[in-house]
PDB file of N, CA and C in Angstrom:
ATOM      1  N   MET A   1     -29.993  21.908  49.017  1.00  0.00           N
ATOM      2  CA  MET A   1     -30.762  20.975  50.242  1.00  0.00           C
ATOM      3  C   MET A   1     -32.151  21.686  49.788  1.00  0.00           C
ATOM      4  N   ASP A   2     -32.465  22.862  49.091  1.00  0.00           N
ATOM      5  CA  ASP A   2     -33.741  23.699  48.518  1.00  0.00           C
ATOM      6  C   ASP A   2     -34.296  22.423  47.932  1.00  0.00           C
ATOM      7  N   GLU A   3     -33.428  21.940  46.591  1.00  0.00           N
ATOM      8  CA  GLU A   3     -34.259  21.024  45.622  1.00  0.00           C
ATOM      9  C   GLU A   3     -34.937  19.763  46.377  1.00  0.00           C
ATOM     10  N   ILE A   4     -33.850  19.322  47.799  1.00  0.00           N
ATOM     11  CA  ILE A   4     -34.376  17.987  48.275  1.00  0.00           C
ATOM     12  C   ILE A   4     -35.731  18.473  49.045  1.00  0.00           C
ATOM     13  N   ARG A   5     -35.415  19.438  49.464  1.00  0.00           N
ATOM     14  CA  ARG A   5     -36.868  20.016  50.341  1.00  0.00           C
ATOM     15  C   ARG A   5     -38.039  20.197  49.424  1.00  0.00           C
ATOM     16  N   GLU A   6     -37.883  21.031  48.065  1.00  0.00           N
ATOM     17  CA  GLU A   6     -38.818  20.659  47.068  1.00  0.00           C
ATOM     18  C   GLU A   6     -39.514  19.368  46.486  1.00  0.00           C
ATOM     19  N   TRP A   7     -38.175  18.566  46.365  1.00  0.00           N
ATOM     20  CA  TRP A   7     -38.509  16.812  46.113  1.00  0.00           C
ATOM     21  C   TRP A   7     -39.772  16.508  47.178  1.00  0.00           C
ATOM     22  N   ILE A   8     -39.375  16.656  48.537  1.00  0.00           N
ATOM     23  CA  ILE A   8     -40.021  16.089  49.375  1.00  0.00           C
ATOM     24  C   ILE A   8     -41.524  16.786  49.768  1.00  0.00           C
ATOM     25  N   ARG A   9     -41.655  18.138  49.646  1.00  0.00           N
ATOM     26  CA  ARG A   9     -42.691  18.799  49.248  1.00  0.00           C
ATOM     27  C   ARG A   9     -43.794  18.347  47.934  1.00  0.00           C
ATOM     28  N   SER A  10     -43.317  18.028  47.021  1.00  0.00           N
ATOM     29  CA  SER A  10     -43.906  17.880  45.804  1.00  0.00           C
ATOM     30  C   SER A  10     -44.680  16.786  46.128  1.00  0.00           C
ATOM     31  N   ARG A  11     -44.342  15.577  47.045  1.00  0.00           N
ATOM     32  CA  ARG A  11     -44.756  14.218  47.370  1.00  0.00           C
ATOM     33  C   ARG A  11     -45.504  14.118  48.148  1.00  0.00           C
ATOM     34  N   ASN A  12     -45.675  15.290  49.428  1.00  0.00           N
ATOM     35  CA  ASN A  12     -46.572  15.553  50.138  1.00  0.00           C
ATOM     36  C   ASN A  12     -46.859  16.645  50.329  1.00  0.00           C
ATOM     37  N   PRO A  13     -48.211  16.809  49.165  1.00  0.00           N
ATOM     38  CA  PRO A  13     -48.856  18.077  49.617  1.00  0.00           C
ATOM     39  C   PRO A  13     -49.198  18.919  50.523  1.00  0.00           C
ATOM     40  N   SER A  14     -49.848  18.182  51.529  1.00  0.00           N
ATOM     41  CA  SER A  14     -50.055  18.406  52.896  1.00  0.00           C
ATOM     42  C   SER A  14     -49.514  18.558  53.832  1.00  0.00           C
ATOM     43  N   LEU A  15     -47.993  18.409  53.719  1.00  0.00           N
ATOM     44  CA  LEU A  15     -47.038  18.784  54.635  1.00  0.00           C
ATOM     45  C   LEU A  15     -46.939  20.788  54.651  1.00  0.00           C
ATOM     46  N   THR A  16     -46.821  21.014  55.991  1.00  0.00           N
ATOM     47  CA  THR A  16     -46.802  22.583  56.292  1.00  0.00           C
ATOM     48  C   THR A  16     -45.707  22.523  57.167  1.00  0.00           C
ATOM     49  N   GLY A  17     -45.372  23.686  57.290  1.00  0.00           N
ATOM     50  CA  GLY A  17     -44.183  24.110  58.097  1.00  0.00           C
ATOM     51  C   GLY A  17     -42.873  23.427  57.228  1.00  0.00           C
ATOM     52  N   ASP A  18     -41.702  24.089  58.156  1.00  0.00           N
ATOM     53  CA  ASP A  18     -40.410  23.780  57.562  1.00  0.00           C
ATOM     54  C   ASP A  18     -39.921  22.248  57.993  1.00  0.00           C
ATOM     55  N   ILE A  19     -38.908  22.056  56.782  1.00  0.00           N
ATOM     56  CA  ILE A  19     -38.612  20.429  57.348  1.00  0.00           C
ATOM     57  C   ILE A  19     -37.033  20.702  57.565  1.00  0.00           C
ATOM     58  N   GLY A  20     -37.240  20.527  59.197  1.00  0.00           N
ATOM     59  CA  GLY A  20     -35.885  20.651  59.549  1.00  0.00           C
ATOM     60  C   GLY A  20     -34.558  19.603  59.467  1.00  0.00           C
ATOM     61  N   GLU A  21     -33.494  19.968  59.584  1.00  0.00           N
ATOM     62  CA  GLU A  21     -32.332  19.384  59.211  1.00  0.00           C
ATOM     63  C   GLU A  21     -32.423  17.688  60.367  1.00  0.00           C
ATOM     64  N   ASP A  22     -32.767  18.206  61.416  1.00  0.00           N
ATOM     65  CA  ASP A  22     -33.073  16.686  62.438  1.00  0.00           C
ATOM     66  C   ASP A  22     -34.871  15.954  62.144  1.00  0.00           C
ATOM     67  N   ASP A  23     -35.032  16.462  61.644  1.00  0.00           N
ATOM     68  CA  ASP A  23     -36.590  16.097  61.656  1.00  0.00           C
ATOM     69  C   ASP A  23     -36.495  14.296  60.854  1.00  0.00           C
ATOM     70  N   ASP A  24     -37.023  13.179  61.531  1.00  0.00           N
ATOM     71  CA  ASP A  24     -37.236  12.002  60.881  1.00  0.00           C
ATOM     72  C   ASP A  24     -37.608  12.085  59.835  1.00  0.00           C
ATOM     73  N   LEU A  25     -37.225  11.917  58.398  1.00  0.00           N
ATOM     74  CA  LEU A  25     -38.219  11.734  57.105  1.00  0.00           C
ATOM     75  C   LEU A  25     -38.823  10.207  56.845  1.00  0.00           C
ATOM     76  N   ILE A  26     -38.101   9.384  57.552  1.00  0.00           N
ATOM     77  CA  ILE A  26     -38.716   8.097  57.524  1.00  0.00           C
ATOM     78  C   ILE A  26     -39.748   8.046  58.393  1.00  0.00           C
ATOM     79  N   GLU A  27     -39.096   8.161  59.286  1.00  0.00           N
ATOM     80  CA  GLU A  27     -40.832   7.834  60.692  1.00  0.00           C
ATOM     81  C   GLU A  27     -42.025   9.079  60.320  1.00  0.00           C
ATOM     82  N   ALA A  28     -41.545  10.253  59.775  1.00  0.00           N
ATOM     83  CA  ALA A  28     -42.775  10.985  59.272  1.00  0.00           C
ATOM     84  C   ALA A  28     -43.415  10.693  58.221  1.00  0.00           C
ATOM     85  N   ARG A  29     -42.778   9.832  57.430  1.00  0.00           N
ATOM     86  CA  ARG A  29     -43.280   8.950  55.896  1.00  0.00           C
ATOM     87  C   ARG A  29     -43.186   9.868  55.075  1.00  0.00           C
ATOM     88  N   LEU A  30     -42.392  10.542  55.392  1.00  0.00           N
ATOM     89  CA  LEU A  30     -42.167  11.728  54.018  1.00  0.00           C
ATOM     90  C   LEU A  30     -41.284  11.704  52.880  1.00  0.00           C
ATOM     91  N   ILE A  31     -40.936  10.409  53.212  1.00  0.00           N
ATOM     92  CA  ILE A  31     -39.771   9.442  51.899  1.00  0.00           C
ATOM     93  C   ILE A  31     -40.248   8.209  52.610  1.00  0.00           C
ATOM     94  N   ASP A  32     -41.162   7.390  51.400  1.00  0.00           N
ATOM     95  CA  ASP A  32     -41.600   6.146  51.441  1.00  0.00           C
ATOM     96  C   ASP A  32     -41.029   5.027  50.338  1.00  0.00           C
ATOM     97  N   SER A  33     -41.631   3.806  50.516  1.00  0.00           N
ATOM     98  CA  SER A  33     -40.999   2.974  49.739  1.00  0.00           C
ATOM     99  C   SER A  33     -40.866   2.649  48.118  1.00  0.00           C
ATOM    100  N   LEU A  34     -42.132   3.716  48.174  1.00  0.00           N
ATOM    101  CA  LEU A  34     -42.620   3.594  46.622  1.00  0.00           C
ATOM    102  C   LEU A  34     -41.916   4.919  45.923  1.00  0.00           C
ATOM    103  N   ASP A  35     -41.186   5.593  46.794  1.00  0.00           N
ATOM    104  CA  ASP A  35     -40.894   6.943  46.189  1.00  0.00           C
ATOM    105  C   ASP A  35     -39.371   7.064  46.376  1.00  0.00           C
ATOM    106  N   PHE A  36     -38.810   5.862  47.158  1.00  0.00           N
ATOM    107  CA  PHE A  36     -37.264   5.524  47.614  1.00  0.00           C
ATOM    108  C   PHE A  36     -36.340   5.867  46.268  1.00  0.00           C
ATOM    109  N   LEU A  37     -36.526   5.012  44.933  1.00  0.00           N
ATOM    110  CA  LEU A  37     -35.743   4.767  44.149  1.00  0.00           C
ATOM    111  C   LEU A  37     -35.627   6.399  43.513  1.00  0.00           C
ATOM    112  N   ASP A  38     -36.894   6.853  43.154  1.00  0.00           N
ATOM    113  CA  ASP A  38     -36.880   8.118  42.521  1.00  0.00           C
ATOM    114  C   ASP A  38     -36.049   9.197  43.542  1.00  0.00           C
ATOM    115  N   PHE A  39     -35.978   8.844  44.458  1.00  0.00           N
ATOM    116  CA  PHE A  39     -34.949  10.042  46.035  1.00  0.00           C
ATOM    117  C   PHE A  39     -33.205   9.683  45.410  1.00  0.00           C
ATOM    118  N   VAL A  40     -33.336   8.421  45.261  1.00  0.00           N
ATOM    119  CA  VAL A  40     -31.792   8.066  45.207  1.00  0.00           C
ATOM    120  C   VAL A  40     -31.278   8.937  44.004  1.00  0.00           C
ATOM    121  N   TYR A  41     -32.398   8.835  42.668  1.00  0.00           N
ATOM    122  CA  TYR A  41     -31.656   9.035  41.432  1.00  0.00           C
ATOM    123  C   TYR A  41     -31.834  11.033  41.831  1.00  0.00           C
ATOM    124  N   LEU A  42     -32.413  11.316  42.190  1.00  0.00           N
ATOM    125  CA  LEU A  42     -32.404  12.596  42.516  1.00  0.00           C
ATOM    126  C   LEU A  42     -31.281  13.214  43.476  1.00  0.00           C
ATOM    127  N   LEU A  43     -30.822  12.387  44.271  1.00  0.00           N
ATOM    128  CA  LEU A  43     -29.318  12.394  44.926  1.00  0.00           C
ATOM    129  C   LEU A  43     -28.252  12.213  43.769  1.00  0.00           C
ATOM    130  N   GLU A  44     -27.936  11.416  43.285  1.00  0.00           N
ATOM    131  CA  GLU A  44     -26.826  10.884  42.029  1.00  0.00           C
ATOM    132  C   GLU A  44     -27.310  12.176  41.119  1.00  0.00           C
ATOM    133  N   GLU A  45     -28.328  12.609  40.963  1.00  0.00           N
ATOM    134  CA  GLU A  45     -28.323  13.784  39.856  1.00  0.00           C
ATOM    135  C   GLU A  45     -27.549  15.363  40.909  1.00  0.00           C
ATOM    136  N   ILE A  46     -27.808  15.438  41.901  1.00  0.00           N
ATOM    137  CA  ILE A  46     -27.507  16.557  42.730  1.00  0.00           C
ATOM    138  C   ILE A  46     -26.060  16.487  42.983  1.00  0.00           C
ATOM    139  N   SER A  47     -25.778  15.515  43.403  1.00  0.00           N
ATOM    140  CA  SER A  47     -23.998  15.048  44.041  1.00  0.00           C
ATOM    141  C   SER A  47     -23.313  15.179  42.569  1.00  0.00           C
ATOM    142  N   GLY A  48     -23.741  14.258  41.435  1.00  0.00           N
ATOM    143  CA  GLY A  48     -23.149  14.023  40.507  1.00  0.00           C
ATOM    144  C   GLY A  48     -22.193  12.847  40.382  1.00  0.00           C
ATOM    145  N   SER A  49     -22.743  12.100  41.646  1.00  0.00           N
ATOM    146  CA  SER A  49     -21.983  10.807  41.596  1.00  0.00           C
ATOM    147  C   SER A  49     -22.830   9.401  41.692  1.00  0.00           C
ATOM    148  N   PRO A  50     -22.675   8.442  40.986  1.00  0.00           N
ATOM    149  CA  PRO A  50     -23.510   7.495  41.222  1.00  0.00           C
ATOM    150  C   PRO A  50     -23.595   6.750  42.678  1.00  0.00           C
ATOM    151  N   ILE A  51     -24.770   6.441  43.370  1.00  0.00           N
ATOM    152  CA  ILE A  51     -24.860   5.903  44.694  1.00  0.00           C
ATOM    153  C   ILE A  51     -25.219   4.219  44.534  1.00  0.00           C
ATOM    154  N   ASP A  52     -24.706   3.622  45.076  1.00  0.00           N
ATOM    155  CA  ASP A  52     -24.362   1.934  45.186  1.00  0.00           C
ATOM    156  C   ASP A  52     -25.300   1.536  46.237  1.00  0.00           C
ATOM    157  N   LEU A  53     -26.688   1.214  45.488  1.00  0.00           N
ATOM    158  CA  LEU A  53     -27.391   0.611  46.585  1.00  0.00           C
ATOM    159  C   LEU A  53     -27.241  -0.331  47.429  1.00  0.00           C
ATOM    160  N   GLN A  54     -26.165  -1.185  47.316  1.00  0.00           N
ATOM    161  CA  GLN A  54     -25.690  -2.127  48.264  1.00  0.00           C
ATOM    162  C   GLN A  54     -24.942  -1.551  49.265  1.00  0.00           C
ATOM    163  N   GLN A  55     -24.630  -0.454  49.286  1.00  0.00           N
ATOM    164  CA  GLN A  55     -23.700  -0.132  50.584  1.00  0.00           C
ATOM    165  C   GLN A  55     -24.844   1.202  51.162  1.00  0.00           C
ATOM    166  N   LEU A  56     -26.121   1.266  51.092  1.00  0.00           N
ATOM    167  CA  LEU A  56     -27.206   1.863  51.873  1.00  0.00           C
ATOM    168  C   LEU A  56     -27.678   1.488  52.999  1.00  0.00           C
ATOM    169  N   SER A  57     -27.597   2.345  53.758  1.00  0.00           N
ATOM    170  CA  SER A  57     -28.939   1.597  55.203  1.00  0.00           C
ATOM    171  C   SER A  57     -30.014   2.886  55.319  1.00  0.00           C
ATOM    172  N   VAL A  58     -30.686   2.643  55.387  1.00  0.00           N
ATOM    173  CA  VAL A  58     -32.441   3.415  55.534  1.00  0.00           C
ATOM    174  C   VAL A  58     -31.774   4.927  56.687  1.00  0.00           C
ATOM    175  N   ASP A  59     -30.983   4.483  57.407  1.00  0.00           N
ATOM    176  CA  ASP A  59     -30.599   5.417  58.657  1.00  0.00           C
ATOM    177  C   ASP A  59     -29.772   6.606  57.895  1.00  0.00           C
ATOM    178  N   ASP A  60     -29.204   6.418  56.221  1.00  0.00           N
ATOM    179  CA  ASP A  60     -28.516   7.334  55.515  1.00  0.00           C
ATOM    180  C   ASP A  60     -29.397   8.276  55.017  1.00  0.00           C
ATOM    181  N   PHE A  61     -30.912   8.023  55.105  1.00  0.00           N
ATOM    182  CA  PHE A  61     -32.332   9.083  55.113  1.00  0.00           C
ATOM    183  C   PHE A  61     -32.796   9.288  55.514  1.00  0.00           C
ATOM    184  N   ARG A  62     -32.253   9.117  56.570  1.00  0.00           N
ATOM    185  CA  ARG A  62     -33.204   9.327  58.035  1.00  0.00           C
ATOM    186  C   ARG A  62     -33.711  10.765  58.176  1.00  0.00           C
ATOM    187  N   THR A  63     -32.618  11.959  58.047  1.00  0.00           N
ATOM    188  CA  THR A  63     -32.564  13.019  58.370  1.00  0.00           C
ATOM    189  C   THR A  63     -32.011  13.898  56.927  1.00  0.00           C
ATOM    190  N   LEU A  64     -31.978  15.373  56.934  1.00  0.00           N
ATOM    191  CA  LEU A  64     -31.720  15.984  55.968  1.00  0.00           C
ATOM    192  C   LEU A  64     -30.336  15.993  56.425  1.00  0.00           C
ATOM    193  N   GLY A  65     -29.848  16.512  57.808  1.00  0.00           N
ATOM    194  CA  GLY A  65     -28.394  16.479  58.061  1.00  0.00           C
ATOM    195  C   GLY A  65     -27.619  15.239  57.682  1.00  0.00           C
ATOM    196  N   ARG A  66     -28.303  13.887  58.113  1.00  0.00           N
ATOM    197  CA  ARG A  66     -27.539  12.912  57.381  1.00  0.00           C
ATOM    198  C   ARG A  66     -27.471  12.699  55.902  1.00  0.00           C
ATOM    199  N   ILE A  67     -28.462  13.394  54.811  1.00  0.00           N
ATOM    200  CA  ILE A  67     -28.543  13.056  53.741  1.00  0.00           C
ATOM    201  C   ILE A  67     -27.328  14.002  53.471  1.00  0.00           C
ATOM    202  N   ARG A  68     -27.176  15.007  53.748  1.00  0.00           N
ATOM    203  CA  ARG A  68     -25.982  16.314  53.200  1.00  0.00           C
ATOM    204  C   ARG A  68     -25.115  15.699  53.844  1.00  0.00           C
ATOM    205  N   LYS A  69     -24.473  14.768  55.019  1.00  0.00           N
ATOM    206  CA  LYS A  69     -23.257  14.784  55.026  1.00  0.00           C
ATOM    207  C   LYS A  69     -23.142  13.121  54.445  1.00  0.00           C
ATOM    208  N   ARG A  70     -23.904  12.452  54.087  1.00  0.00           N
ATOM    209  CA  ARG A  70     -23.412  11.413  53.332  1.00  0.00           C
ATOM    210  C   ARG A  70     -23.404  10.972  51.516  1.00  0.00           C
ATOM    211  N   PHE A  71     -24.389  11.923  51.196  1.00  0.00           N
ATOM    212  CA  PHE A  71     -24.468  12.145  49.735  1.00  0.00           C
ATOM    213  C   PHE A  71     -23.931  13.605  49.210  1.00  0.00           C
ATOM    214  N   LEU A  72     -23.931  14.691  49.645  1.00  0.00           N
ATOM    215  CA  LEU A  72     -23.596  15.716  49.086  1.00  0.00           C
ATOM    216  C   LEU A  72     -22.218  16.169  49.295  1.00  0.00           C
ATOM    217  N   PRO A  73     -21.248  16.813  48.236  1.00  0.00           N
ATOM    218  CA  PRO A  73     -20.361  17.407  48.736  1.00  0.00           C
ATOM    219  C   PRO A  73     -20.032  18.551  49.630  1.00  0.00           C
ATOM    220  N   ALA A  74     -18.921  18.477  50.300  1.00  0.00           N
ATOM    221  CA  ALA A  74     -19.354  19.819  51.344  1.00  0.00           C
ATOM    222  C   ALA A  74     -18.918  21.250  50.515  1.00  0.00           C
ATOM    223  N   GLU A  75     -19.742  22.108  51.148  1.00  0.00           N
ATOM    224  CA  GLU A  75     -20.259  23.165  50.533  1.00  0.00           C
ATOM    225  C   GLU A  75     -18.947  24.434  51.036  1.00  0.00           C
TER     226      GLU A  75
END
C-alpha cells in the first residue's frame, strides 16, 4: 500500500496528512480520470496480474481498503 500512497501523493503535491484506508479517493479527487489508466498500470505492476477494464467499477477504486481487497494478493 505504501507504493500506492506514494503514487497518489506524487499526483497531489498539496495533499497533507495521511491517506486512510476508508478515505474516498474519488470524491476527494485524489485519483481522477486523467490519471486512471496510469493507476491501473501501477496496480497491475504491484499485483503481477492483468486487470480487465471491462470488469471494473469506479467503486473498486473508491478507497484503499477496496483497492487492497480487489486487486492485491492477501498478505
